[in-house]
Amino acid sequence: MTTTIQIDDETKKKLFRIKLKLEEQKGEAITYNDLIEYLIESQPSDLVRKLNLQEFRSLKGILPKSAMKTYLDEKKKDLNREEKLTPIKN
């Protein structure tokens, strides 16, 4: 499937320069799709992993450690409120 993306002229020039260098190295023409795949694959795996994890957290609702304390405090308040409304009988 083909998708159109919008980039400014300066970015297009930079991509074109990289594309020319890669074509020179490979000895054959490459597409912009090949170029973008190359650039993605060239990223440190930690960066890609971190970005994927951030995206996963935003989609799945997993809390980062920084929010966990707040979540647990709020959960404790909820449990205390429920206990006051309907005490647990022993």
N, C-alpha and C. Protein backbone atom coordinates (compact mmCIF):
# COMPACT_ATOMS: atom_id res chain seq x y z
N MET A 1 0.85 -1.17 0.00
CA MET A 1 0.00 0.00 0.00
C MET A 1 0.89 1.24 0.00
N THR A 2 0.56 2.19 -0.81
CA THR A 2 1.33 3.42 -0.92
C THR A 2 0.71 4.49 -0.05
N THR A 3 1.57 5.26 0.63
CA THR A 3 1.12 6.36 1.47
C THR A 3 1.89 7.61 1.11
N THR A 4 1.23 8.72 1.11
CA THR A 4 1.89 9.99 0.87
C THR A 4 2.21 10.63 2.20
N ILE A 5 3.46 11.10 2.35
CA ILE A 5 3.84 11.81 3.56
C ILE A 5 4.26 13.22 3.18
N GLN A 6 4.10 14.12 4.11
CA GLN A 6 4.47 15.51 3.86
C GLN A 6 5.75 15.83 4.62
N ILE A 7 6.74 16.34 3.90
CA ILE A 7 7.99 16.77 4.51
C ILE A 7 8.37 18.12 3.90
N ASP A 8 9.12 18.90 4.64
CA ASP A 8 9.52 20.20 4.09
C ASP A 8 10.68 20.02 3.11
N ASP A 9 10.98 21.06 2.37
CA ASP A 9 12.01 20.99 1.33
C ASP A 9 13.39 20.65 1.89
N GLU A 10 13.73 21.19 3.05
CA GLU A 10 15.03 20.93 3.64
C GLU A 10 15.19 19.46 4.00
N THR A 11 14.16 18.86 4.58
CA THR A 11 14.19 17.44 4.92
C THR A 11 14.29 16.60 3.66
N LYS A 12 13.56 16.99 2.63
CA LYS A 12 13.62 16.26 1.36
C LYS A 12 15.03 16.28 0.79
N LYS A 13 15.69 17.44 0.86
CA LYS A 13 17.06 17.55 0.36
C LYS A 13 18.00 16.63 1.15
N LYS A 14 17.83 16.61 2.46
CA LYS A 14 18.68 15.76 3.31
C LYS A 14 18.46 14.29 2.98
N LEU A 15 17.19 13.89 2.84
CA LEU A 15 16.90 12.51 2.48
C LEU A 15 17.49 12.15 1.12
N PHE A 16 17.40 13.09 0.20
CA PHE A 16 17.92 12.84 -1.15
C PHE A 16 19.44 12.63 -1.11
N ARG A 17 20.14 13.44 -0.29
CA ARG A 17 21.60 13.29 -0.16
C ARG A 17 21.95 11.91 0.42
N ILE A 18 21.21 11.49 1.43
CA ILE A 18 21.46 10.17 2.02
C ILE A 18 21.16 9.08 0.99
N LYS A 19 20.08 9.28 0.25
CA LYS A 19 19.70 8.31 -0.78
C LYS A 19 20.81 8.17 -1.82
N LEU A 20 21.39 9.29 -2.25
CA LEU A 20 22.47 9.24 -3.24
C LEU A 20 23.69 8.49 -2.68
N LYS A 21 24.02 8.72 -1.42
CA LYS A 21 25.16 8.03 -0.80
C LYS A 21 24.92 6.52 -0.75
N LEU A 22 23.70 6.14 -0.36
CA LEU A 22 23.38 4.71 -0.30
C LEU A 22 23.40 4.07 -1.69
N GLU A 23 22.89 4.79 -2.67
CA GLU A 23 22.90 4.27 -4.04
C GLU A 23 24.33 4.10 -4.53
N GLU A 24 25.19 5.02 -4.15
CA GLU A 24 26.61 4.93 -4.52
C GLU A 24 27.24 3.70 -3.87
N GLN A 25 26.93 3.47 -2.60
CA GLN A 25 27.48 2.32 -1.88
C GLN A 25 26.97 1.00 -2.45
N LYS A 26 25.68 0.95 -2.76
CA LYS A 26 25.07 -0.29 -3.25
C LYS A 26 25.32 -0.51 -4.74
N GLY A 27 25.56 0.57 -5.46
CA GLY A 27 25.77 0.45 -6.90
C GLY A 27 24.48 0.29 -7.68
N GLU A 28 23.36 0.62 -7.04
CA GLU A 28 22.05 0.53 -7.71
C GLU A 28 21.09 1.52 -7.09
N ALA A 29 20.02 1.80 -7.81
CA ALA A 29 19.02 2.74 -7.32
C ALA A 29 18.24 2.13 -6.16
N ILE A 30 17.84 2.99 -5.23
CA ILE A 30 16.98 2.56 -4.13
C ILE A 30 15.77 3.48 -4.08
N THR A 31 14.71 3.00 -3.49
CA THR A 31 13.49 3.79 -3.37
C THR A 31 13.54 4.57 -2.04
N TYR A 32 12.65 5.53 -1.92
CA TYR A 32 12.55 6.24 -0.64
C TYR A 32 12.07 5.29 0.46
N ASN A 33 11.27 4.32 0.10
CA ASN A 33 10.84 3.32 1.07
C ASN A 33 12.05 2.55 1.61
N ASP A 34 12.95 2.14 0.69
CA ASP A 34 14.18 1.46 1.10
C ASP A 34 15.00 2.36 2.03
N LEU A 35 15.06 3.63 1.68
CA LEU A 35 15.82 4.59 2.48
C LEU A 35 15.24 4.72 3.89
N ILE A 36 13.94 4.84 3.98
CA ILE A 36 13.30 4.99 5.29
C ILE A 36 13.49 3.71 6.11
N GLU A 37 13.35 2.55 5.48
CA GLU A 37 13.61 1.29 6.20
C GLU A 37 15.04 1.24 6.71
N TYR A 38 15.99 1.65 5.87
CA TYR A 38 17.40 1.68 6.28
C TYR A 38 17.58 2.60 7.49
N LEU A 39 16.99 3.78 7.45
CA LEU A 39 17.13 4.73 8.56
C LEU A 39 16.51 4.18 9.85
N ILE A 40 15.37 3.52 9.73
CA ILE A 40 14.73 2.93 10.91
C ILE A 40 15.60 1.81 11.47
N GLU A 41 16.09 0.95 10.61
CA GLU A 41 16.93 -0.17 11.05
C GLU A 41 18.26 0.31 11.62
N SER A 42 18.71 1.49 11.22
CA SER A 42 19.99 2.03 11.69
C SER A 42 19.89 2.64 13.09
N GLN A 43 18.67 2.80 13.60
CA GLN A 43 18.48 3.38 14.92
C GLN A 43 18.94 2.39 15.98
N PRO A 44 19.51 2.91 17.07
CA PRO A 44 19.87 2.00 18.16
C PRO A 44 18.63 1.25 18.64
N SER A 45 18.77 -0.03 18.88
CA SER A 45 17.61 -0.83 19.27
C SER A 45 17.00 -0.33 20.57
N ASP A 46 17.81 0.24 21.47
CA ASP A 46 17.27 0.78 22.72
C ASP A 46 16.28 1.91 22.46
N LEU A 47 16.61 2.76 21.48
CA LEU A 47 15.72 3.86 21.15
C LEU A 47 14.39 3.34 20.63
N VAL A 48 14.44 2.40 19.71
CA VAL A 48 13.22 1.83 19.15
C VAL A 48 12.43 1.12 20.25
N ARG A 49 13.13 0.37 21.11
CA ARG A 49 12.46 -0.36 22.19
C ARG A 49 11.77 0.62 23.13
N LYS A 50 12.45 1.72 23.49
CA LYS A 50 11.87 2.71 24.39
C LYS A 50 10.65 3.36 23.76
N LEU A 51 10.74 3.71 22.50
CA LEU A 51 9.60 4.33 21.82
C LEU A 51 8.43 3.36 21.75
N ASN A 52 8.72 2.10 21.45
CA ASN A 52 7.65 1.10 21.40
C ASN A 52 7.02 0.92 22.77
N LEU A 53 7.83 0.91 23.83
CA LEU A 53 7.31 0.75 25.18
C LEU A 53 6.44 1.94 25.57
N GLN A 54 6.88 3.16 25.21
CA GLN A 54 6.07 4.34 25.51
C GLN A 54 4.74 4.26 24.79
N GLU A 55 4.77 3.86 23.53
CA GLU A 55 3.53 3.74 22.77
C GLU A 55 2.64 2.65 23.37
N PHE A 56 3.24 1.53 23.76
CA PHE A 56 2.49 0.45 24.37
C PHE A 56 1.82 0.91 25.65
N ARG A 57 2.55 1.63 26.48
CA ARG A 57 1.99 2.12 27.73
C ARG A 57 0.82 3.06 27.47
N SER A 58 0.96 3.93 26.48
CA SER A 58 -0.12 4.87 26.21
C SER A 58 -1.36 4.15 25.69
N LEU A 59 -1.17 3.06 24.96
CA LEU A 59 -2.30 2.34 24.40
C LEU A 59 -2.92 1.36 25.39
N LYS A 60 -2.11 0.73 26.21
CA LYS A 60 -2.59 -0.33 27.08
C LYS A 60 -2.86 0.14 28.51
N GLY A 61 -2.52 1.37 28.83
CA GLY A 61 -2.80 1.89 30.16
C GLY A 61 -1.85 1.41 31.24
N ILE A 62 -0.70 0.90 30.88
CA ILE A 62 0.28 0.48 31.88
C ILE A 62 0.94 1.73 32.45
N LEU A 63 1.00 1.79 33.75
CA LEU A 63 1.56 2.98 34.39
C LEU A 63 3.07 2.94 34.45
N PRO A 64 3.71 4.08 34.19
CA PRO A 64 5.15 4.15 34.42
C PRO A 64 5.40 4.15 35.93
N LYS A 65 6.61 3.82 36.32
CA LYS A 65 6.94 3.76 37.75
C LYS A 65 6.64 5.08 38.45
N SER A 66 6.83 6.20 37.75
CA SER A 66 6.61 7.51 38.36
C SER A 66 5.15 7.71 38.79
N ALA A 67 4.22 7.02 38.15
CA ALA A 67 2.80 7.18 38.48
C ALA A 67 2.28 6.09 39.40
N MET A 68 3.08 5.07 39.61
CA MET A 68 2.62 3.93 40.40
C MET A 68 2.24 4.32 41.83
N LYS A 69 3.04 5.16 42.50
CA LYS A 69 2.76 5.56 43.87
C LYS A 69 1.41 6.28 43.95
N THR A 70 1.17 7.19 43.03
CA THR A 70 -0.10 7.92 42.99
C THR A 70 -1.25 6.94 42.80
N TYR A 71 -1.08 6.00 41.88
CA TYR A 71 -2.12 5.00 41.63
C TYR A 71 -2.42 4.20 42.89
N LEU A 72 -1.36 3.72 43.56
CA LEU A 72 -1.56 2.90 44.76
C LEU A 72 -2.20 3.71 45.89
N ASP A 73 -1.80 4.98 46.04
CA ASP A 73 -2.42 5.84 47.05
C ASP A 73 -3.91 6.01 46.78
N GLU A 74 -4.26 6.24 45.53
CA GLU A 74 -5.67 6.41 45.18
C GLU A 74 -6.45 5.11 45.38
N LYS A 75 -5.83 4.00 45.04
CA LYS A 75 -6.47 2.70 45.24
C LYS A 75 -6.72 2.45 46.73
N LYS A 76 -5.75 2.81 47.56
CA LYS A 76 -5.89 2.65 49.01
C LYS A 76 -7.04 3.49 49.54
N LYS A 77 -7.17 4.74 49.04
CA LYS A 77 -8.28 5.61 49.44
C LYS A 77 -9.62 4.97 49.06
N ASP A 78 -9.67 4.41 47.84
CA ASP A 78 -10.89 3.73 47.39
C ASP A 78 -11.26 2.58 48.32
N LEU A 79 -10.26 1.77 48.68
CA LEU A 79 -10.52 0.64 49.56
C LEU A 79 -10.97 1.09 50.94
N ASN A 80 -10.36 2.14 51.46
CA ASN A 80 -10.77 2.68 52.76
C ASN A 80 -12.20 3.21 52.71
N ARG A 81 -12.55 3.87 51.63
CA ARG A 81 -13.90 4.39 51.45
C ARG A 81 -14.92 3.25 51.40
N GLU A 82 -14.59 2.19 50.66
CA GLU A 82 -15.47 1.03 50.60
C GLU A 82 -15.60 0.36 51.96
N GLU A 83 -14.51 0.28 52.70
CA GLU A 83 -14.54 -0.34 54.02
C GLU A 83 -15.45 0.44 54.97
N LYS A 84 -15.45 1.76 54.88
CA LYS A 84 -16.32 2.57 55.72
C LYS A 84 -17.79 2.36 55.37
N LEU A 85 -18.05 2.19 54.07
CA LEU A 85 -19.44 2.01 53.63
C LEU A 85 -19.96 0.62 53.99
N THR A 86 -19.17 -0.38 53.81
CA THR A 86 -19.56 -1.76 54.12
C THR A 86 -18.39 -2.47 54.79
N PRO A 87 -18.32 -2.36 56.10
CA PRO A 87 -17.21 -2.98 56.83
C PRO A 87 -17.16 -4.50 56.62
N ILE A 88 -15.95 -5.00 56.60
CA ILE A 88 -15.75 -6.45 56.50
C ILE A 88 -16.06 -7.08 57.83
N LYS A 89 -16.91 -8.11 57.82
CA LYS A 89 -17.30 -8.79 59.05
C LYS A 89 -16.39 -9.99 59.28
N ASN A 90 -15.95 -10.13 60.50
CA ASN A 90 -15.09 -11.27 60.86
C ASN A 90 -15.88 -12.40 61.40
